[in-house]
C-alpha atoms as a PDB file:
ATOM      1  CA  MET A   1      19.822   2.499   3.365  1.00  0.00           C
ATOM      2  CA  ARG A   2      17.551   0.515   5.713  1.00  0.00           C
ATOM      3  CA  LYS A   3      17.113   1.614   9.294  1.00  0.00           C
ATOM      4  CA  ASN A   4      18.656  -0.649  11.931  1.00  0.00           C
ATOM      5  CA  HIS A   5      15.523  -1.602  13.877  1.00  0.00           C
ATOM      6  CA  SER A   6      17.553  -3.147  16.691  1.00  0.00           C
ATOM      7  CA  LYS A   7      18.658   0.352  17.793  1.00  0.00           C
ATOM      8  CA  LEU A   8      15.211   1.971  17.867  1.00  0.00           C
ATOM      9  CA  PRO A   9      14.187   3.675  21.127  1.00  0.00           C
ATOM     10  CA  VAL A  10      10.915   1.709  21.318  1.00  0.00           C
ATOM     11  CA  TYR A  11      13.001  -0.931  23.089  1.00  0.00           C
ATOM     12  CA  TYR A  12      13.667  -0.400  26.795  1.00  0.00           C
ATOM     13  CA  GLU A  13      17.254  -1.640  26.533  1.00  0.00           C
ATOM     14  CA  ASN A  14      18.128   1.030  23.943  1.00  0.00           C
ATOM     15  CA  ARG A  15      16.470   3.783  25.962  1.00  0.00           C
ATOM     16  CA  TYR A  16      18.325   2.718  29.108  1.00  0.00           C
ATOM     17  CA  ASP A  17      21.663   2.524  27.282  1.00  0.00           C
ATOM     18  CA  SER A  18      21.198   6.067  25.947  1.00  0.00           C
ATOM     19  CA  PHE A  19      21.432   7.396  29.520  1.00  0.00           C
ATOM     20  CA  ILE A  20      24.423   5.260  30.469  1.00  0.00           C
ATOM     21  CA  SER A  21      26.464   5.844  27.308  1.00  0.00           C
ATOM     22  CA  GLY A  22      25.309   9.452  26.970  1.00  0.00           C
ATOM     23  CA  ASN A  23      26.470  10.499  30.427  1.00  0.00           C
ATOM     24  CA  TRP A  24      23.148  11.395  32.022  1.00  0.00           C
ATOM     25  CA  PRO A  25      24.028  14.365  34.292  1.00  0.00           C
ATOM     26  CA  PHE A  26      22.290  12.925  37.378  1.00  0.00           C
ATOM     27  CA  LEU A  27      23.639   9.387  37.073  1.00  0.00           C
ATOM     28  CA  SER A  28      25.764   9.600  40.216  1.00  0.00           C
ATOM     29  CA  ASN A  29      23.180  11.619  42.166  1.00  0.00           C
ATOM     30  CA  LYS A  30      20.854   8.961  43.573  1.00  0.00           C
ATOM     31  CA  GLU A  31      18.707  11.655  45.219  1.00  0.00           C
ATOM     32  CA  TYR A  32      17.173  12.236  41.772  1.00  0.00           C
ATOM     33  CA  LEU A  33      14.112  10.161  40.919  1.00  0.00           C
ATOM     34  CA  ALA A  34      14.951  10.641  37.239  1.00  0.00           C
ATOM     35  CA  GLN A  35      17.388   7.732  37.042  1.00  0.00           C
ATOM     36  CA  PRO A  36      18.011   5.763  33.820  1.00  0.00           C
ATOM     37  CA  GLU A  37      15.886   2.728  34.728  1.00  0.00           C
ATOM     38  CA  PHE A  38      12.842   4.879  35.560  1.00  0.00           C
ATOM     39  CA  LEU A  39      13.245   7.284  32.650  1.00  0.00           C
ATOM     40  CA  ALA A  40      13.624   4.376  30.212  1.00  0.00           C
ATOM     41  CA  SER A  41      10.625   2.572  31.692  1.00  0.00           C
ATOM     42  CA  ALA A  42       8.598   5.785  31.346  1.00  0.00           C
ATOM     43  CA  GLY A  43       9.403   5.705  27.601  1.00  0.00           C
ATOM     44  CA  PHE A  44      12.213   8.273  27.510  1.00  0.00           C
ATOM     45  CA  TYR A  45      15.647   8.172  25.943  1.00  0.00           C
ATOM     46  CA  PHE A  46      18.472  10.667  26.405  1.00  0.00           C
ATOM     47  CA  VAL A  47      19.014  13.327  23.712  1.00  0.00           C
ATOM     48  CA  PRO A  48      21.119  16.068  25.325  1.00  0.00           C
ATOM     49  CA  GLN A  49      21.210  19.504  23.711  1.00  0.00           C
ATOM     50  CA  PRO A  50      23.946  22.124  24.253  1.00  0.00           C
ATOM     51  CA  ASP A  51      21.524  24.407  26.093  1.00  0.00           C
ATOM     52  CA  HIS A  52      19.538  21.526  27.683  1.00  0.00           C
ATOM     53  CA  PRO A  53      22.009  18.890  28.952  1.00  0.00           C
ATOM     54  CA  ASP A  54      19.245  16.844  30.628  1.00  0.00           C
ATOM     55  CA  ASN A  55      16.894  16.690  27.629  1.00  0.00           C
ATOM     56  CA  VAL A  56      14.941  13.459  27.134  1.00  0.00           C
ATOM     57  CA  LYS A  57      12.535  12.392  24.391  1.00  0.00           C
ATOM     58  CA  CYS A  58       9.657   9.931  24.424  1.00  0.00           C
ATOM     59  CA  ALA A  59      10.058   7.034  21.993  1.00  0.00           C
ATOM     60  CA  TYR A  60       6.289   6.964  21.424  1.00  0.00           C
ATOM     61  CA  CYS A  61       5.058  10.575  21.271  1.00  0.00           C
ATOM     62  CA  ASN A  62       8.361  12.427  20.630  1.00  0.00           C
ATOM     63  CA  LYS A  63       7.702  14.810  23.535  1.00  0.00           C
ATOM     64  CA  GLU A  64      10.942  16.352  24.785  1.00  0.00           C
ATOM     65  CA  LEU A  65      11.428  17.375  28.415  1.00  0.00           C
ATOM     66  CA  ASP A  66      14.306  18.893  30.353  1.00  0.00           C
ATOM     67  CA  GLU A  67      15.146  20.805  33.532  1.00  0.00           C
ATOM     68  CA  TRP A  68      14.608  17.760  35.752  1.00  0.00           C
ATOM     69  CA  CYS A  69      14.362  18.387  39.498  1.00  0.00           C
ATOM     70  CA  SER A  70      15.358  15.881  42.161  1.00  0.00           C
ATOM     71  CA  ASP A  71      11.751  15.013  43.036  1.00  0.00           C
ATOM     72  CA  ASP A  72      10.447  14.720  39.447  1.00  0.00           C
ATOM     73  CA  ASP A  73       8.934  11.274  38.949  1.00  0.00           C
ATOM     74  CA  PRO A  74       9.400  10.361  35.243  1.00  0.00           C
ATOM     75  CA  PHE A  75       6.060   8.499  35.147  1.00  0.00           C
ATOM     76  CA  VAL A  76       4.100  11.396  36.628  1.00  0.00           C
ATOM     77  CA  ILE A  77       5.915  13.989  34.499  1.00  0.00           C
ATOM     78  CA  HIS A  78       5.251  12.004  31.321  1.00  0.00           C
ATOM     79  CA  CYS A  79       1.530  11.759  32.108  1.00  0.00           C
ATOM     80  CA  ARG A  80       1.336  15.445  32.966  1.00  0.00           C
ATOM     81  CA  HIS A  81       3.024  16.674  29.772  1.00  0.00           C
ATOM     82  CA  SER A  82       1.868  14.084  27.224  1.00  0.00           C
ATOM     83  CA  ASP A  83      -1.847  13.516  27.584  1.00  0.00           C
ATOM     84  CA  THR A  84      -2.121  11.982  24.095  1.00  0.00           C
ATOM     85  CA  CYS A  85       0.877   9.622  24.356  1.00  0.00           C
ATOM     86  CA  ILE A  86      -0.134   5.967  24.198  1.00  0.00           C
ATOM     87  CA  TRP A  87       2.760   4.933  26.488  1.00  0.00           C
ATOM     88  CA  ALA A  88       1.902   7.608  29.060  1.00  0.00           C
ATOM     89  CA  LYS A  89      -1.769   6.606  28.930  1.00  0.00           C
ATOM     90  CA  VAL A  90      -1.212   2.902  29.433  1.00  0.00           C
ATOM     91  CA  HIS A  91       2.166   2.283  31.072  1.00  0.00           C
ATOM     92  CA  CYS A  92       3.006   5.460  33.012  1.00  0.00           C
ATOM     93  CA  LYS A  93      -0.454   5.927  34.491  1.00  0.00           C
ATOM     94  CA  ARG A  94      -0.351   2.327  35.690  1.00  0.00           C
ATOM     95  CA  ARG A  95       2.877   3.093  37.550  1.00  0.00           C
ATOM     96  CA  THR A  96       1.433   6.210  39.195  1.00  0.00           C
ATOM     97  CA  CYS A  97      -1.903   4.792  40.297  1.00  0.00           C
ATOM     98  CA  GLY A  98      -1.001   2.084  42.740  1.00  0.00           C
ATOM     99  CA  LYS A  99      -3.639  -0.497  43.526  1.00  0.00           C
ATOM    100  CA  THR A 100      -7.312  -0.625  44.327  1.00  0.00           C
ATOM    101  CA  ASP A 101      -8.793  -2.531  47.246  1.00  0.00           C
ATOM    102  CA  ALA A 102     -10.109  -6.086  46.799  1.00  0.00           C
ATOM    103  CA  ASP A 103     -13.372  -4.754  45.349  1.00  0.00           C
ATOM    104  CA  GLY A 104     -11.646  -2.430  42.869  1.00  0.00           C
ATOM    105  CA  ASN A 105     -12.533   0.725  44.840  1.00  0.00           C
ATOM    106  CA  PHE A 106     -10.413   3.852  45.166  1.00  0.00           C
ATOM    107  CA  SER A 107     -12.341   5.272  48.148  1.00  0.00           C
ATOM    108  CA  GLN A 108      -9.347   5.835  50.429  1.00  0.00           C
ATOM    109  CA  TRP A 109      -7.376   7.844  47.864  1.00  0.00           C
ATOM    110  CA  PRO A 110      -7.218  11.588  47.195  1.00  0.00           C
ATOM    111  CA  THR A 111      -9.678  12.774  44.525  1.00  0.00           C
ATOM    112  CA  ASP A 112      -7.013  13.578  41.889  1.00  0.00           C
ATOM    113  CA  THR A 113      -5.499  10.098  42.237  1.00  0.00           C
ATOM    114  CA  VAL A 114      -8.934   8.499  41.955  1.00  0.00           C
ATOM    115  CA  SER A 115      -9.637  10.492  38.798  1.00  0.00           C
ATOM    116  CA  ALA A 116      -6.301   9.518  37.212  1.00  0.00           C
ATOM    117  CA  CYS A 117      -6.837   5.857  38.033  1.00  0.00           C
ATOM    118  CA  GLN A 118     -10.373   5.823  36.701  1.00  0.00           C
ATOM    119  CA  GLU A 119      -9.011   7.349  33.492  1.00  0.00           C
ATOM    120  CA  LEU A 120      -6.353   4.617  33.400  1.00  0.00           C
ATOM    121  CA  LEU A 121      -9.001   1.920  33.712  1.00  0.00           C
ATOM    122  CA  ALA A 122     -10.883   3.456  30.793  1.00  0.00           C
ATOM    123  CA  PHE A 123      -7.734   3.309  28.647  1.00  0.00           C
ATOM    124  CA  ILE A 124      -6.880  -0.217  29.724  1.00  0.00           C
ATOM    125  CA  GLU A 125     -10.387  -1.365  28.860  1.00  0.00           C
ATOM    126  CA  ASP A 126     -10.085   0.264  25.425  1.00  0.00           C
ATOM    127  CA  ILE A 127      -8.917  -2.337  22.900  1.00  0.00           C
ATOM    128  CA  PRO A 128      -7.781   0.227  20.263  1.00  0.00           C
ATOM    129  CA  THR A 129      -5.538   1.890  22.861  1.00  0.00           C
ATOM    130  CA  ARG A 130      -3.855  -1.417  23.710  1.00  0.00           C
ATOM    131  CA  TYR A 131      -3.624  -2.267  19.990  1.00  0.00           C
ATOM    132  CA  LYS A 132      -1.697   0.949  19.270  1.00  0.00           C
ATOM    133  CA  THR A 133       1.127  -0.113  21.598  1.00  0.00           C
ATOM    134  CA  PHE A 134       2.059  -2.906  19.181  1.00  0.00           C
ATOM    135  CA  GLY A 135       2.850  -0.393  16.434  1.00  0.00           C
ATOM    136  CA  LYS A 136       4.907  -1.869  13.622  1.00  0.00           C
ATOM    137  CA  HIS A 137       7.472  -3.605  15.830  1.00  0.00           C
ATOM    138  CA  TRP A 138       5.510  -6.633  17.101  1.00  0.00           C
ATOM    139  CA  PRO A 139       7.608  -9.607  15.919  1.00  0.00           C
ATOM    140  CA  PHE A 140       4.571 -11.627  14.771  1.00  0.00           C
ATOM    141  CA  SER A 141       2.874  -8.869  12.754  1.00  0.00           C
ATOM    142  CA  ASN A 142       3.613 -10.281   9.308  1.00  0.00           C
ATOM    143  CA  GLN A 143       3.400 -14.013   9.947  1.00  0.00           C
ATOM    144  CA  PRO A 144       0.627 -15.802   8.051  1.00  0.00           C
ATOM    145  CA  LYS A 145      -1.794 -17.967  10.048  1.00  0.00           C
ATOM    146  CA  CYS A 146      -0.446 -16.577  13.307  1.00  0.00           C
ATOM    147  CA  SER A 147      -2.650 -16.512  16.405  1.00  0.00           C
ATOM    148  CA  VAL A 148      -0.705 -13.849  18.294  1.00  0.00           C
ATOM    149  CA  THR A 149      -1.603 -10.893  16.092  1.00  0.00           C
ATOM    150  CA  PRO A 150      -1.728  -7.382  17.579  1.00  0.00           C
ATOM    151  CA  THR A 151      -5.526  -7.459  17.319  1.00  0.00           C
ATOM    152  CA  LYS A 152      -5.870 -10.739  19.219  1.00  0.00           C
ATOM    153  CA  MET A 153      -3.315  -9.679  21.816  1.00  0.00           C
ATOM    154  CA  ALA A 154      -5.127  -6.381  22.423  1.00  0.00           C
ATOM    155  CA  GLU A 155      -8.487  -8.159  22.599  1.00  0.00           C
ATOM    156  CA  ALA A 156      -7.008 -10.474  25.253  1.00  0.00           C
ATOM    157  CA  GLY A 157      -6.077  -7.453  27.379  1.00  0.00           C
ATOM    158  CA  PHE A 158      -2.385  -7.107  26.539  1.00  0.00           C
ATOM    159  CA  TYR A 159      -0.238  -4.151  25.583  1.00  0.00           C
ATOM    160  CA  TYR A 160       3.244  -4.407  24.077  1.00  0.00           C
ATOM    161  CA  ALA A 161       6.237  -3.547  26.296  1.00  0.00           C
ATOM    162  CA  PRO A 162       9.424  -4.741  24.537  1.00  0.00           C
ATOM    163  CA  ASP A 163      12.817  -4.694  26.238  1.00  0.00           C
ATOM    164  CA  ARG A 164      14.927  -5.238  23.115  1.00  0.00           C
ATOM    165  CA  PHE A 165      14.680  -5.878  19.369  1.00  0.00           C
ATOM    166  CA  GLY A 166      12.648  -8.999  18.579  1.00  0.00           C
ATOM    167  CA  ASP A 167      11.236  -9.121  22.113  1.00  0.00           C
ATOM    168  CA  ASP A 168       7.612 -10.211  22.430  1.00  0.00           C
ATOM    169  CA  THR A 169       6.994  -9.133  26.038  1.00  0.00           C
ATOM    170  CA  VAL A 170       3.444  -8.037  26.771  1.00  0.00           C
ATOM    171  CA  LEU A 171       1.762  -6.839  29.953  1.00  0.00           C
ATOM    172  CA  CYS A 172      -1.808  -7.520  30.912  1.00  0.00           C
ATOM    173  CA  GLY A 173      -3.594  -4.230  31.376  1.00  0.00           C
ATOM    174  CA  PHE A 174      -5.818  -5.718  34.057  1.00  0.00           C
ATOM    175  CA  CYS A 175      -3.568  -7.817  36.308  1.00  0.00           C
ATOM    176  CA  ASN A 176      -0.107  -6.509  35.271  1.00  0.00           C
ATOM    177  CA  CYS A 177       1.065 -10.048  34.462  1.00  0.00           C
ATOM    178  CA  THR A 178       4.084 -10.089  32.140  1.00  0.00           C
ATOM    179  CA  LEU A 179       4.234 -12.754  29.430  1.00  0.00           C
ATOM    180  CA  ASN A 180       6.768 -13.430  26.687  1.00  0.00           C
ATOM    181  CA  TYR A 181       8.263 -16.162  24.488  1.00  0.00           C
ATOM    182  CA  TRP A 182       5.090 -16.453  22.443  1.00  0.00           C
ATOM    183  CA  GLU A 183       4.720 -19.117  19.771  1.00  0.00           C
ATOM    184  CA  PRO A 184       2.808 -18.299  16.555  1.00  0.00           C
ATOM    185  CA  ASN A 185       0.009 -20.732  17.456  1.00  0.00           C
ATOM    186  CA  ASP A 186      -0.428 -19.660  21.099  1.00  0.00           C
ATOM    187  CA  ASP A 187      -3.889 -18.515  22.093  1.00  0.00           C
ATOM    188  CA  PRO A 188      -3.639 -15.131  23.870  1.00  0.00           C
ATOM    189  CA  MET A 189      -6.998 -15.694  25.572  1.00  0.00           C
END
């Protein structure tokens, strides 16, 4: 039996729905930072266990986390507990870093934030890291004579951030621009 790829947790929509349909225990408590939209964006989907009713799992690294506190930021928590996860390295760190000044300096920030953001820049500048985000779900992966291959997209600075099955949404690692609706002959540069 073939796996239904449209239900995979690599897609934001599926991760988000897992919290809504699975009765996330903090859904009605808006004081919690760990709300479905943020957890799903941080790469998590809801997989409750009898002894861990708030258990989540990363769609990219399979890391499971539970015992969420009201002030737990899903992006920060993912980075802290999954230092090898491609999604935590590229997407979550971007969300936790904020912005640099016009010259790209971090001088006004605390040292630990500066260090995390400099690490993020190293990952963003790393083509193989961006390439890995495309995995096997990029809709143009197997099209002959296609210009929007994972390699070319990664070389152009993009990483893959799909919302749903068949989605071709990418984010620029440098300017955070979101692009989608690619055509096979588009030039990612």
